[in-house]
Amino acid sequence: NSTSNTELMWFAMAYNSAGMMEGADYVMGYVTPSGETCVRPLACQQSPPPNSAPKLVISNTTYAETNGANYVLTFTRTVDSGYNPLEAGKSINVLLAAAKADNLVAPRTCAAELTSNQEHNFFKYSTSISFSG
């Protein structure tokens, strides 16, 4: 609904062995200004924003507001896809970022190229995870 769209503009999760935006595979969830819910893979092979051709394969996607304040982004990714495939026994950095409305705007469509208007201004978090295979 429009209320949730103005509270949180987007949420993204990225995978990168170096823990940087550059070189990362992303999954981004958001609601367009027209109300369409989008979950899409992105890639950042140069400097941000992530507008490189994505190689990450995702399915079973959802992005939704729950309880009026919590946002849930779910997806399934194939282990061997993307610029940063998951490898058994190896760690990979996961970055989380989000944007509140303030002066930012959601991408206009589910395929729109990202701009500086989609920068993260709410939180950014990074942790390392291991894949056991």
Protein backbone atom coordinates (compact mmCIF):
# COMPACT_ATOMS: atom_id res chain seq x y z
CA ASN A 1 0.00 0.00 0.00
CA SER A 2 1.10 3.61 -0.35
CA THR A 3 1.87 4.03 3.36
CA SER A 4 4.44 1.23 3.38
CA ASN A 5 5.97 2.56 0.18
CA THR A 6 6.69 5.94 1.80
CA GLU A 7 8.14 4.42 4.98
CA LEU A 8 10.70 2.16 3.32
CA MET A 9 11.61 2.73 -0.30
CA TRP A 10 13.67 -0.42 -0.89
CA PHE A 11 15.66 -3.19 0.77
CA ALA A 12 18.61 -5.04 -0.79
CA MET A 13 20.91 -7.92 0.01
CA ALA A 14 24.27 -8.32 -1.73
CA TYR A 15 26.89 -11.06 -1.95
CA ASN A 16 30.57 -10.24 -2.43
CA SER A 17 33.68 -12.06 -1.24
CA ALA A 18 35.48 -8.72 -0.75
CA GLY A 19 32.59 -7.10 1.18
CA MET A 20 32.34 -4.16 -1.23
CA MET A 21 29.51 -2.82 -3.39
CA GLU A 22 31.71 -3.09 -6.47
CA GLY A 23 31.75 -6.67 -7.74
CA ALA A 24 28.62 -7.67 -5.81
CA ASP A 25 25.48 -9.57 -6.76
CA TYR A 26 22.31 -7.94 -5.39
CA VAL A 27 18.69 -8.84 -4.80
CA MET A 28 16.54 -5.73 -4.39
CA GLY A 29 12.91 -5.52 -3.27
CA TYR A 30 10.70 -2.46 -3.63
CA VAL A 31 7.29 -1.15 -4.64
CA THR A 32 7.14 1.13 -7.68
CA PRO A 33 5.29 4.46 -7.55
CA SER A 34 2.41 2.75 -9.42
CA GLY A 35 2.18 0.04 -6.71
CA GLU A 36 3.90 -2.87 -8.50
CA THR A 37 5.97 -5.09 -6.19
CA CYS A 38 9.42 -5.91 -7.57
CA VAL A 39 12.16 -8.33 -6.54
CA ARG A 40 15.04 -8.36 -8.97
CA PRO A 41 18.67 -9.43 -9.28
CA LEU A 42 21.26 -6.71 -9.89
CA ALA A 43 25.03 -6.58 -10.27
CA CYS A 44 27.64 -3.90 -9.66
CA GLN A 45 30.77 -4.61 -11.68
CA GLN A 46 31.86 -0.97 -11.85
CA SER A 47 31.13 1.86 -9.42
CA PRO A 48 27.65 2.15 -7.86
CA PRO A 49 24.76 2.14 -8.53
CA PRO A 50 24.46 -1.54 -9.51
CA ASN A 51 23.52 -1.42 -13.20
CA SER A 52 25.72 -4.19 -14.65
CA ALA A 53 24.06 -7.16 -16.34
CA PRO A 54 23.05 -9.54 -13.51
CA LYS A 55 24.15 -13.18 -13.56
CA LEU A 56 22.42 -14.15 -10.31
CA VAL A 57 19.49 -16.52 -10.85
CA ILE A 58 16.66 -16.11 -8.32
CA SER A 59 13.18 -17.60 -7.88
CA ASN A 60 10.39 -17.83 -5.27
CA THR A 61 10.55 -14.09 -4.62
CA THR A 62 8.47 -11.96 -2.26
CA TYR A 63 8.76 -8.45 -0.83
CA ALA A 64 6.10 -7.44 1.65
CA GLU A 65 5.30 -5.30 4.65
CA THR A 66 4.15 -7.16 7.75
CA ASN A 67 2.71 -5.75 10.97
CA GLY A 68 2.82 -2.21 9.61
CA ALA A 69 6.55 -1.77 10.26
CA ASN A 70 8.48 -4.90 9.24
CA TYR A 71 9.56 -5.64 5.69
CA VAL A 72 10.35 -9.11 4.42
CA LEU A 73 12.42 -9.90 1.32
CA THR A 74 12.59 -13.59 0.43
CA PHE A 75 14.12 -15.37 -2.53
CA THR A 76 15.88 -18.55 -3.53
CA ARG A 77 19.20 -18.23 -5.36
CA THR A 78 21.04 -20.89 -7.31
CA VAL A 79 24.35 -21.74 -5.66
CA ASP A 80 26.48 -21.50 -8.79
CA SER A 81 25.01 -18.33 -10.33
CA GLY A 82 26.13 -14.74 -10.15
CA TYR A 83 29.52 -13.11 -10.07
CA ASN A 84 29.89 -14.50 -6.52
CA PRO A 85 28.81 -18.15 -6.52
CA LEU A 86 28.50 -19.91 -3.17
CA GLU A 87 31.20 -22.52 -2.59
CA ALA A 88 31.08 -25.22 0.09
CA GLY A 89 33.38 -24.44 3.00
CA LYS A 90 34.10 -20.87 1.88
CA SER A 91 32.85 -17.68 3.48
CA ILE A 92 31.20 -14.86 1.60
CA ASN A 93 30.26 -11.38 2.77
CA VAL A 94 26.60 -10.43 2.79
CA LEU A 95 25.68 -6.76 2.75
CA LEU A 96 22.24 -5.45 3.71
CA ALA A 97 21.08 -1.95 2.84
CA ALA A 98 17.81 -0.02 2.78
CA ALA A 99 16.40 3.41 2.04
CA LYS A 100 13.68 5.42 3.73
CA ALA A 101 11.56 7.80 1.71
CA ASP A 102 12.99 11.18 2.75
CA ASN A 103 14.10 12.73 -0.57
CA LEU A 104 14.65 9.44 -2.37
CA VAL A 105 12.42 7.69 -4.87
CA ALA A 106 11.78 4.06 -5.69
CA PRO A 107 12.73 2.89 -9.18
CA ARG A 108 9.86 3.65 -11.58
CA THR A 109 9.55 0.09 -12.90
CA CYS A 110 10.79 -3.41 -12.15
CA ALA A 111 13.41 -3.02 -14.92
CA ALA A 112 14.42 0.63 -14.46
CA GLU A 113 18.10 1.50 -14.31
CA LEU A 114 19.09 2.65 -10.83
CA THR A 115 20.27 6.21 -10.15
CA SER A 116 21.68 8.10 -7.18
CA ASN A 117 18.04 8.60 -6.13
CA GLN A 118 18.11 4.97 -4.94
CA GLU A 119 21.12 5.32 -2.61
CA HIS A 120 20.87 3.78 0.87
CA ASN A 121 20.10 6.29 3.61
CA PHE A 122 18.57 4.05 6.25
CA PHE A 123 21.05 1.36 7.19
CA LYS A 124 23.94 -0.64 5.87
CA TYR A 125 25.13 -3.83 7.51
CA SER A 126 27.69 -6.44 6.54
CA THR A 127 28.43 -9.92 7.88
CA SER A 128 30.22 -13.03 6.67
CA ILE A 129 28.43 -16.34 6.14
CA SER A 130 29.61 -19.82 5.19
CA PHE A 131 27.90 -22.24 2.85
CA SER A 132 28.09 -25.89 3.86
CA GLY A 133 26.90 -27.35 0.58
